[in-house]
Amino acid sequence: MKKKTPLIRKIHVRIGEKVKVISGQDKGKIGLVTKIVKQQNKLIVEGINIKVKHIKANRSGQTGEIKRIEFPIHSSNVSHYEE
């Protein structure tokens, strides 16, 4: 049995372009594309889709921490933004 490979499509934006979020919890916000994840058709936009991640302490004596990280959003949820 063959494994299904994900369909990789051409993404309509590039790194450094301004985009506007058209759907989701951050609808209407504007940001710059910082990274593209082609395998999942997703991109990371500066200041958009920020989530809180709790990180455990790895060694004894080290403290855990709470980080705010930008998570990827699907490329279909953004459009080009021109001023």
PDB file of N, CA and C in Angstrom:
ATOM      1  N   MET A   1       0.837  -1.176   0.000  1.00  0.00           N
ATOM      2  CA  MET A   1       0.000   0.000   0.000  1.00  0.00           C
ATOM      3  C   MET A   1       0.886   1.245   0.000  1.00  0.00           C
ATOM      4  N   LYS A   2       0.592   2.181  -0.893  1.00  0.00           N
ATOM      5  CA  LYS A   2       1.371   3.412  -0.990  1.00  0.00           C
ATOM      6  C   LYS A   2       0.900   4.428   0.032  1.00  0.00           C
ATOM      7  N   LYS A   3       1.851   5.212   0.546  1.00  0.00           N
ATOM      8  CA  LYS A   3       1.489   6.297   1.444  1.00  0.00           C
ATOM      9  C   LYS A   3       1.046   7.495   0.619  1.00  0.00           C
ATOM     10  N   LYS A   4       0.046   8.203   1.133  1.00  0.00           N
ATOM     11  CA  LYS A   4      -0.398   9.406   0.439  1.00  0.00           C
ATOM     12  C   LYS A   4       0.553  10.555   0.763  1.00  0.00           C
ATOM     13  N   THR A   5       1.006  11.246  -0.252  1.00  0.00           N
ATOM     14  CA  THR A   5       1.831  12.421  -0.026  1.00  0.00           C
ATOM     15  C   THR A   5       0.926  13.647  -0.057  1.00  0.00           C
ATOM     16  N   PRO A   6       1.182  14.605   0.814  1.00  0.00           N
ATOM     17  CA  PRO A   6       0.327  15.793   0.825  1.00  0.00           C
ATOM     18  C   PRO A   6       0.492  16.604  -0.463  1.00  0.00           C
ATOM     19  N   LEU A   7      -0.592  17.202  -0.888  1.00  0.00           N
ATOM     20  CA  LEU A   7      -0.574  18.001  -2.101  1.00  0.00           C
ATOM     21  C   LEU A   7       0.086  19.344  -1.812  1.00  0.00           C
ATOM     22  N   ILE A   8       1.219  19.606  -2.458  1.00  0.00           N
ATOM     23  CA  ILE A   8       1.938  20.859  -2.259  1.00  0.00           C
ATOM     24  C   ILE A   8       1.554  21.804  -3.384  1.00  0.00           C
ATOM     25  N   ARG A   9       0.941  22.910  -2.998  1.00  0.00           N
ATOM     26  CA  ARG A   9       0.509  23.891  -3.982  1.00  0.00           C
ATOM     27  C   ARG A   9       1.399  25.113  -3.933  1.00  0.00           C
ATOM     28  N   LYS A  10       1.366  25.866  -5.001  1.00  0.00           N
ATOM     29  CA  LYS A  10       2.116  27.105  -5.047  1.00  0.00           C
ATOM     30  C   LYS A  10       1.407  28.125  -4.154  1.00  0.00           C
ATOM     31  N   ILE A  11       2.160  28.747  -3.275  1.00  0.00           N
ATOM     32  CA  ILE A  11       1.581  29.718  -2.354  1.00  0.00           C
ATOM     33  C   ILE A  11       1.655  31.106  -2.985  1.00  0.00           C
ATOM     34  N   HIS A  12       0.567  31.860  -2.879  1.00  0.00           N
ATOM     35  CA  HIS A  12       0.419  33.132  -3.589  1.00  0.00           C
ATOM     36  C   HIS A  12       1.121  34.318  -2.934  1.00  0.00           C
ATOM     37  N   VAL A  13       1.816  34.100  -1.823  1.00  0.00           N
ATOM     38  CA  VAL A  13       2.556  35.187  -1.172  1.00  0.00           C
ATOM     39  C   VAL A  13       4.005  34.768  -0.974  1.00  0.00           C
ATOM     40  N   ARG A  14       4.845  35.758  -0.739  1.00  0.00           N
ATOM     41  CA  ARG A  14       6.263  35.494  -0.524  1.00  0.00           C
ATOM     42  C   ARG A  14       6.699  36.063   0.812  1.00  0.00           C
ATOM     43  N   ILE A  15       7.865  35.651   1.267  1.00  0.00           N
ATOM     44  CA  ILE A  15       8.409  36.153   2.522  1.00  0.00           C
ATOM     45  C   ILE A  15       8.664  37.661   2.383  1.00  0.00           C
ATOM     46  N   GLY A  16       8.240  38.418   3.382  1.00  0.00           N
ATOM     47  CA  GLY A  16       8.447  39.866   3.389  1.00  0.00           C
ATOM     48  C   GLY A  16       7.268  40.668   2.873  1.00  0.00           C
ATOM     49  N   GLU A  17       6.253  40.009   2.321  1.00  0.00           N
ATOM     50  CA  GLU A  17       5.076  40.724   1.814  1.00  0.00           C
ATOM     51  C   GLU A  17       4.086  40.988   2.936  1.00  0.00           C
ATOM     52  N   LYS A  18       3.328  42.094   2.796  1.00  0.00           N
ATOM     53  CA  LYS A  18       2.273  42.407   3.754  1.00  0.00           C
ATOM     54  C   LYS A  18       1.010  41.657   3.359  1.00  0.00           C
ATOM     55  N   VAL A  19       0.379  41.023   4.351  1.00  0.00           N
ATOM     56  CA  VAL A  19      -0.857  40.289   4.105  1.00  0.00           C
ATOM     57  C   VAL A  19      -1.909  40.697   5.136  1.00  0.00           C
ATOM     58  N   LYS A  20      -3.174  40.491   4.756  1.00  0.00           N
ATOM     59  CA  LYS A  20      -4.297  40.759   5.642  1.00  0.00           C
ATOM     60  C   LYS A  20      -5.017  39.440   5.883  1.00  0.00           C
ATOM     61  N   VAL A  21      -5.330  39.163   7.154  1.00  0.00           N
ATOM     62  CA  VAL A  21      -6.031  37.925   7.507  1.00  0.00           C
ATOM     63  C   VAL A  21      -7.509  38.122   7.173  1.00  0.00           C
ATOM     64  N   ILE A  22      -8.079  37.180   6.385  1.00  0.00           N
ATOM     65  CA  ILE A  22      -9.471  37.324   5.941  1.00  0.00           C
ATOM     66  C   ILE A  22     -10.429  36.394   6.668  1.00  0.00           C
ATOM     67  N   SER A  23      -9.898  35.449   7.474  1.00  0.00           N
ATOM     68  CA  SER A  23     -10.781  34.596   8.272  1.00  0.00           C
ATOM     69  C   SER A  23     -10.026  34.074   9.481  1.00  0.00           C
ATOM     70  N   GLY A  24     -10.773  33.694  10.513  1.00  0.00           N
ATOM     71  CA  GLY A  24     -10.176  33.167  11.727  1.00  0.00           C
ATOM     72  C   GLY A  24     -10.239  34.169  12.859  1.00  0.00           C
ATOM     73  N   GLN A  25      -9.583  33.829  13.960  1.00  0.00           N
ATOM     74  CA  GLN A  25      -9.657  34.661  15.159  1.00  0.00           C
ATOM     75  C   GLN A  25      -8.958  36.010  14.996  1.00  0.00           C
ATOM     76  N   ASP A  26      -8.003  36.120  14.084  1.00  0.00           N
ATOM     77  CA  ASP A  26      -7.281  37.373  13.862  1.00  0.00           C
ATOM     78  C   ASP A  26      -7.759  38.096  12.610  1.00  0.00           C
ATOM     79  N   LYS A  27      -9.004  37.890  12.220  1.00  0.00           N
ATOM     80  CA  LYS A  27      -9.560  38.485  11.012  1.00  0.00           C
ATOM     81  C   LYS A  27      -9.413  40.007  11.030  1.00  0.00           C
ATOM     82  N   GLY A  28      -8.912  40.557   9.903  1.00  0.00           N
ATOM     83  CA  GLY A  28      -8.751  41.997   9.769  1.00  0.00           C
ATOM     84  C   GLY A  28      -7.369  42.508  10.139  1.00  0.00           C
ATOM     85  N   LYS A  29      -6.536  41.690  10.768  1.00  0.00           N
ATOM     86  CA  LYS A  29      -5.199  42.118  11.165  1.00  0.00           C
ATOM     87  C   LYS A  29      -4.246  42.048   9.980  1.00  0.00           C
ATOM     88  N   ILE A  30      -3.200  42.869  10.040  1.00  0.00           N
ATOM     89  CA  ILE A  30      -2.223  42.971   8.956  1.00  0.00           C
ATOM     90  C   ILE A  30      -0.841  42.653   9.519  1.00  0.00           C
ATOM     91  N   GLY A  31      -0.032  41.908   8.745  1.00  0.00           N
ATOM     92  CA  GLY A  31       1.315  41.575   9.191  1.00  0.00           C
ATOM     93  C   GLY A  31       2.199  41.151   8.033  1.00  0.00           C
ATOM     94  N   LEU A  32       3.483  40.970   8.332  1.00  0.00           N
ATOM     95  CA  LEU A  32       4.466  40.546   7.336  1.00  0.00           C
ATOM     96  C   LEU A  32       4.670  39.038   7.402  1.00  0.00           C
ATOM     97  N   VAL A  33       4.821  38.411   6.260  1.00  0.00           N
ATOM     98  CA  VAL A  33       5.094  36.972   6.198  1.00  0.00           C
ATOM     99  C   VAL A  33       6.560  36.768   6.568  1.00  0.00           C
ATOM    100  N   THR A  34       6.820  35.934   7.591  1.00  0.00           N
ATOM    101  CA  THR A  34       8.190  35.696   8.032  1.00  0.00           C
ATOM    102  C   THR A  34       8.712  34.328   7.610  1.00  0.00           C
ATOM    103  N   LYS A  35       7.809  33.354   7.454  1.00  0.00           N
ATOM    104  CA  LYS A  35       8.239  31.993   7.099  1.00  0.00           C
ATOM    105  C   LYS A  35       7.117  31.285   6.358  1.00  0.00           C
ATOM    106  N   ILE A  36       7.485  30.382   5.444  1.00  0.00           N
ATOM    107  CA  ILE A  36       6.504  29.597   4.688  1.00  0.00           C
ATOM    108  C   ILE A  36       6.790  28.117   4.918  1.00  0.00           C
ATOM    109  N   VAL A  37       5.726  27.359   5.253  1.00  0.00           N
ATOM    110  CA  VAL A  37       5.818  25.904   5.429  1.00  0.00           C
ATOM    111  C   VAL A  37       5.096  25.280   4.240  1.00  0.00           C
ATOM    112  N   LYS A  38       5.846  24.965   3.181  1.00  0.00           N
ATOM    113  CA  LYS A  38       5.245  24.507   1.926  1.00  0.00           C
ATOM    114  C   LYS A  38       4.537  23.166   2.046  1.00  0.00           C
ATOM    115  N   GLN A  39       5.051  22.255   2.872  1.00  0.00           N
ATOM    116  CA  GLN A  39       4.459  20.925   2.984  1.00  0.00           C
ATOM    117  C   GLN A  39       3.027  20.979   3.506  1.00  0.00           C
ATOM    118  N   GLN A  40       2.713  21.983   4.318  1.00  0.00           N
ATOM    119  CA  GLN A  40       1.384  22.094   4.905  1.00  0.00           C
ATOM    120  C   GLN A  40       0.566  23.237   4.304  1.00  0.00           C
ATOM    121  N   ASN A  41       1.105  23.938   3.317  1.00  0.00           N
ATOM    122  CA  ASN A  41       0.469  25.113   2.712  1.00  0.00           C
ATOM    123  C   ASN A  41       0.138  26.166   3.769  1.00  0.00           C
ATOM    124  N   LYS A  42       1.061  26.378   4.699  1.00  0.00           N
ATOM    125  CA  LYS A  42       0.851  27.329   5.781  1.00  0.00           C
ATOM    126  C   LYS A  42       1.962  28.348   5.810  1.00  0.00           C
ATOM    127  N   LEU A  43       1.696  29.476   6.489  1.00  0.00           N
ATOM    128  CA  LEU A  43       2.714  30.490   6.653  1.00  0.00           C
ATOM    129  C   LEU A  43       2.641  31.114   8.032  1.00  0.00           C
ATOM    130  N   ILE A  44       3.786  31.652   8.462  1.00  0.00           N
ATOM    131  CA  ILE A  44       3.855  32.332   9.746  1.00  0.00           C
ATOM    132  C   ILE A  44       3.884  33.827   9.465  1.00  0.00           C
ATOM    133  N   VAL A  45       2.935  34.528  10.075  1.00  0.00           N
ATOM    134  CA  VAL A  45       2.807  35.968   9.875  1.00  0.00           C
ATOM    135  C   VAL A  45       3.132  36.658  11.198  1.00  0.00           C
ATOM    136  N   GLU A  46       3.937  37.720  11.107  1.00  0.00           N
ATOM    137  CA  GLU A  46       4.386  38.458  12.279  1.00  0.00           C
ATOM    138  C   GLU A  46       3.204  39.049  13.051  1.00  0.00           C
ATOM    139  N   GLY A  47       3.077  38.686  14.318  1.00  0.00           N
ATOM    140  CA  GLY A  47       2.037  39.237  15.182  1.00  0.00           C
ATOM    141  C   GLY A  47       0.660  38.601  15.031  1.00  0.00           C
ATOM    142  N   ILE A  48       0.550  37.546  14.230  1.00  0.00           N
ATOM    143  CA  ILE A  48      -0.739  36.882  13.986  1.00  0.00           C
ATOM    144  C   ILE A  48      -0.694  35.462  14.553  1.00  0.00           C
ATOM    145  N   ASN A  49      -1.826  34.990  15.079  1.00  0.00           N
ATOM    146  CA  ASN A  49      -1.993  33.632  15.605  1.00  0.00           C
ATOM    147  C   ASN A  49      -0.985  33.325  16.707  1.00  0.00           C
ATOM    148  N   ILE A  50      -0.892  34.224  17.692  1.00  0.00           N
ATOM    149  CA  ILE A  50       0.030  34.038  18.810  1.00  0.00           C
ATOM    150  C   ILE A  50      -0.636  33.149  19.856  1.00  0.00           C
ATOM    151  N   LYS A  51       0.067  32.098  20.262  1.00  0.00           N
ATOM    152  CA  LYS A  51      -0.435  31.165  21.269  1.00  0.00           C
ATOM    153  C   LYS A  51       0.571  31.076  22.409  1.00  0.00           C
ATOM    154  N   VAL A  52       0.097  30.626  23.554  1.00  0.00           N
ATOM    155  CA  VAL A  52       0.944  30.472  24.729  1.00  0.00           C
ATOM    156  C   VAL A  52       1.378  29.016  24.825  1.00  0.00           C
ATOM    157  N   LYS A  53       2.676  28.800  24.989  1.00  0.00           N
ATOM    158  CA  LYS A  53       3.214  27.446  25.092  1.00  0.00           C
ATOM    159  C   LYS A  53       3.962  27.307  26.420  1.00  0.00           C
ATOM    160  N   HIS A  54       3.588  26.297  27.197  1.00  0.00           N
ATOM    161  CA  HIS A  54       4.236  26.034  28.477  1.00  0.00           C
ATOM    162  C   HIS A  54       5.378  25.053  28.241  1.00  0.00           C
ATOM    163  N   ILE A  55       6.581  25.419  28.688  1.00  0.00           N
ATOM    164  CA  ILE A  55       7.757  24.586  28.463  1.00  0.00           C
ATOM    165  C   ILE A  55       8.259  24.068  29.811  1.00  0.00           C
ATOM    166  N   LYS A  56       8.422  22.739  29.892  1.00  0.00           N
ATOM    167  CA  LYS A  56       8.890  22.102  31.116  1.00  0.00           C
ATOM    168  C   LYS A  56      10.376  22.340  31.326  1.00  0.00           C
ATOM    169  N   ALA A  57      10.803  22.259  32.570  1.00  0.00           N
ATOM    170  CA  ALA A  57      12.226  22.325  32.884  1.00  0.00           C
ATOM    171  C   ALA A  57      12.867  20.995  32.504  1.00  0.00           C
ATOM    172  N   ASN A  58      13.980  21.037  31.776  1.00  0.00           N
ATOM    173  CA  ASN A  58      14.647  19.813  31.337  1.00  0.00           C
ATOM    174  C   ASN A  58      15.551  19.227  32.413  1.00  0.00           C
ATOM    175  N   ARG A  59      16.269  20.074  33.121  1.00  0.00           N
ATOM    176  CA  ARG A  59      17.209  19.613  34.137  1.00  0.00           C
ATOM    177  C   ARG A  59      16.745  20.065  35.514  1.00  0.00           C
ATOM    178  N   SER A  60      17.248  19.401  36.530  1.00  0.00           N
ATOM    179  CA  SER A  60      16.916  19.845  37.882  1.00  0.00           C
ATOM    180  C   SER A  60      17.619  21.175  38.143  1.00  0.00           C
ATOM    181  N   GLY A  61      16.942  22.061  38.807  1.00  0.00           N
ATOM    182  CA  GLY A  61      17.511  23.390  39.064  1.00  0.00           C
ATOM    183  C   GLY A  61      17.093  24.403  38.011  1.00  0.00           C
ATOM    184  N   GLN A  62      16.644  23.925  36.863  1.00  0.00           N
ATOM    185  CA  GLN A  62      16.196  24.818  35.803  1.00  0.00           C
ATOM    186  C   GLN A  62      14.696  25.059  35.985  1.00  0.00           C
ATOM    187  N   THR A  63      14.249  26.262  35.656  1.00  0.00           N
ATOM    188  CA  THR A  63      12.826  26.562  35.803  1.00  0.00           C
ATOM    189  C   THR A  63      12.123  26.443  34.462  1.00  0.00           C
ATOM    190  N   GLY A  64      10.852  26.092  34.510  1.00  0.00           N
ATOM    191  CA  GLY A  64      10.050  26.052  33.294  1.00  0.00           C
ATOM    192  C   GLY A  64       9.703  27.475  32.882  1.00  0.00           C
ATOM    193  N   GLU A  65       9.129  27.621  31.711  1.00  0.00           N
ATOM    194  CA  GLU A  65       8.775  28.963  31.254  1.00  0.00           C
ATOM    195  C   GLU A  65       7.522  28.940  30.390  1.00  0.00           C
ATOM    196  N   ILE A  66       6.955  30.104  30.218  1.00  0.00           N
ATOM    197  CA  ILE A  66       5.776  30.267  29.376  1.00  0.00           C
ATOM    198  C   ILE A  66       6.183  31.186  28.232  1.00  0.00           C
ATOM    199  N   LYS A  67       6.063  30.690  26.998  1.00  0.00           N
ATOM    200  CA  LYS A  67       6.459  31.475  25.821  1.00  0.00           C
ATOM    201  C   LYS A  67       5.246  31.800  24.970  1.00  0.00           C
ATOM    202  N   ARG A  68       5.277  32.963  24.334  1.00  0.00           N
ATOM    203  CA  ARG A  68       4.248  33.349  23.376  1.00  0.00           C
ATOM    204  C   ARG A  68       4.857  33.164  21.984  1.00  0.00           C
ATOM    205  N   ILE A  69       4.282  32.238  21.204  1.00  0.00           N
ATOM    206  CA  ILE A  69       4.853  31.844  19.913  1.00  0.00           C
ATOM    207  C   ILE A  69       3.837  32.087  18.805  1.00  0.00           C
ATOM    208  N   GLU A  70       4.339  32.547  17.638  1.00  0.00           N
ATOM    209  CA  GLU A  70       3.491  32.712  16.449  1.00  0.00           C
ATOM    210  C   GLU A  70       3.369  31.361  15.767  1.00  0.00           C
ATOM    211  N   PHE A  71       2.150  30.854  15.659  1.00  0.00           N
ATOM    212  CA  PHE A  71       1.901  29.578  15.012  1.00  0.00           C
ATOM    213  C   PHE A  71       1.476  29.806  13.565  1.00  0.00           C
ATOM    214  N   PRO A  72       1.682  28.805  12.684  1.00  0.00           N
ATOM    215  CA  PRO A  72       1.318  28.970  11.274  1.00  0.00           C
ATOM    216  C   PRO A  72      -0.190  29.013  11.040  1.00  0.00           C
ATOM    217  N   ILE A  73      -0.601  29.753   9.999  1.00  0.00           N
ATOM    218  CA  ILE A  73      -1.991  29.769   9.555  1.00  0.00           C
ATOM    219  C   ILE A  73      -2.027  29.337   8.100  1.00  0.00           C
ATOM    220  N   HIS A  74      -3.152  28.829   7.655  1.00  0.00           N
ATOM    221  CA  HIS A  74      -3.269  28.331   6.288  1.00  0.00           C
ATOM    222  C   HIS A  74      -3.201  29.492   5.301  1.00  0.00           C
ATOM    223  N   SER A  75      -2.594  29.256   4.158  1.00  0.00           N
ATOM    224  CA  SER A  75      -2.392  30.316   3.166  1.00  0.00           C
ATOM    225  C   SER A  75      -3.706  30.821   2.568  1.00  0.00           C
ATOM    226  N   SER A  76      -4.771  30.008   2.635  1.00  0.00           N
ATOM    227  CA  SER A  76      -6.052  30.442   2.085  1.00  0.00           C
ATOM    228  C   SER A  76      -6.742  31.464   2.983  1.00  0.00           C
ATOM    229  N   ASN A  77      -6.248  31.642   4.198  1.00  0.00           N
ATOM    230  CA  ASN A  77      -6.855  32.583   5.132  1.00  0.00           C
ATOM    231  C   ASN A  77      -6.239  33.976   5.075  1.00  0.00           C
ATOM    232  N   VAL A  78      -5.337  34.223   4.120  1.00  0.00           N
ATOM    233  CA  VAL A  78      -4.728  35.546   3.968  1.00  0.00           C
ATOM    234  C   VAL A  78      -4.857  36.037   2.528  1.00  0.00           C
ATOM    235  N   SER A  79      -4.789  37.348   2.378  1.00  0.00           N
ATOM    236  CA  SER A  79      -4.769  37.953   1.038  1.00  0.00           C
ATOM    237  C   SER A  79      -3.735  39.067   1.030  1.00  0.00           C
ATOM    238  N   HIS A  80      -3.304  39.456  -0.157  1.00  0.00           N
ATOM    239  CA  HIS A  80      -2.345  40.549  -0.292  1.00  0.00           C
ATOM    240  C   HIS A  80      -2.919  41.816   0.301  1.00  0.00           C
ATOM    241  N   TYR A  81      -2.056  42.642   0.880  1.00  0.00           N
ATOM    242  CA  TYR A  81      -2.497  43.922   1.421  1.00  0.00           C
ATOM    243  C   TYR A  81      -1.692  45.033   0.778  1.00  0.00           C
ATOM    244  N   GLU A  82      -2.377  46.009   0.225  1.00  0.00           N
ATOM    245  CA  GLU A  82      -1.730  47.174  -0.361  1.00  0.00           C
ATOM    246  C   GLU A  82      -2.308  48.418   0.261  1.00  0.00           C
ATOM    247  N   GLU A  83      -1.437  49.329   0.653  1.00  0.00           N
ATOM    248  CA  GLU A  83      -1.888  50.563   1.307  1.00  0.00           C
ATOM    249  C   GLU A  83      -2.409  51.572   0.321  1.00  0.00           C
TER     250      GLU A  83
END
